[in-house]
Amino acid sequence: GDCMDNVERYGLAESIRAAIQSGKPFLGICLGLQLLFEESEEFGPHKGLGIIPGKVRRFAAARGLKVPHMGWNSVTVARPCPLFEGIPNESYWYFVHSFYVDPSNKTIAVASTDYGTRFVSSVWRDNVVACQFHPEKSQAVGLRLIKNFGSWK
């Protein structure tokens, strides 16, 4: 909603698309992951950047789980990805979000997390990698992911 409006208002959408189209490595974190998708349910349907086909959906408040999903949770890496090199599978990462991505093409999913439902917590396609969790708040594993991104490609 508001974030995408500001991205458009300040002319950042085309800059982001151009950076991705250039082939340079691109890392999206949290909302940076969600903005890559075609549409979000946040405050009604809103268009995203449309770089990755799929939707951003709100967590249903179920089984006593609080929304937003806030705190530490494990991430299951499902396929090899340069960002997760040297990071143990099922490591704990820090999350703060009320929405999750639902990619149309599930093969771009690198990792998933369970919070009442299993959701995609990281994607990778070509030069674009993105994660729902916050590596900058995730201690040693987060620093390793950022280091891996810095040396990728």
Foldseek 3Di string as FASTA:
>chain_A
DVVQVVCVVVVNLVVVVVCVVVLAADEAEAVRVQLCEQWECVVHIDGHSHNFYWYKYFDDCPDPFDPPPFAKFFKAFDDDDLLQPPPDHRQIFTATHGIAIDGPDCVQQGIWTDDVHIGRAWGDDRRYIYGNTQLVPGPPSSVSSVVSSVPPD
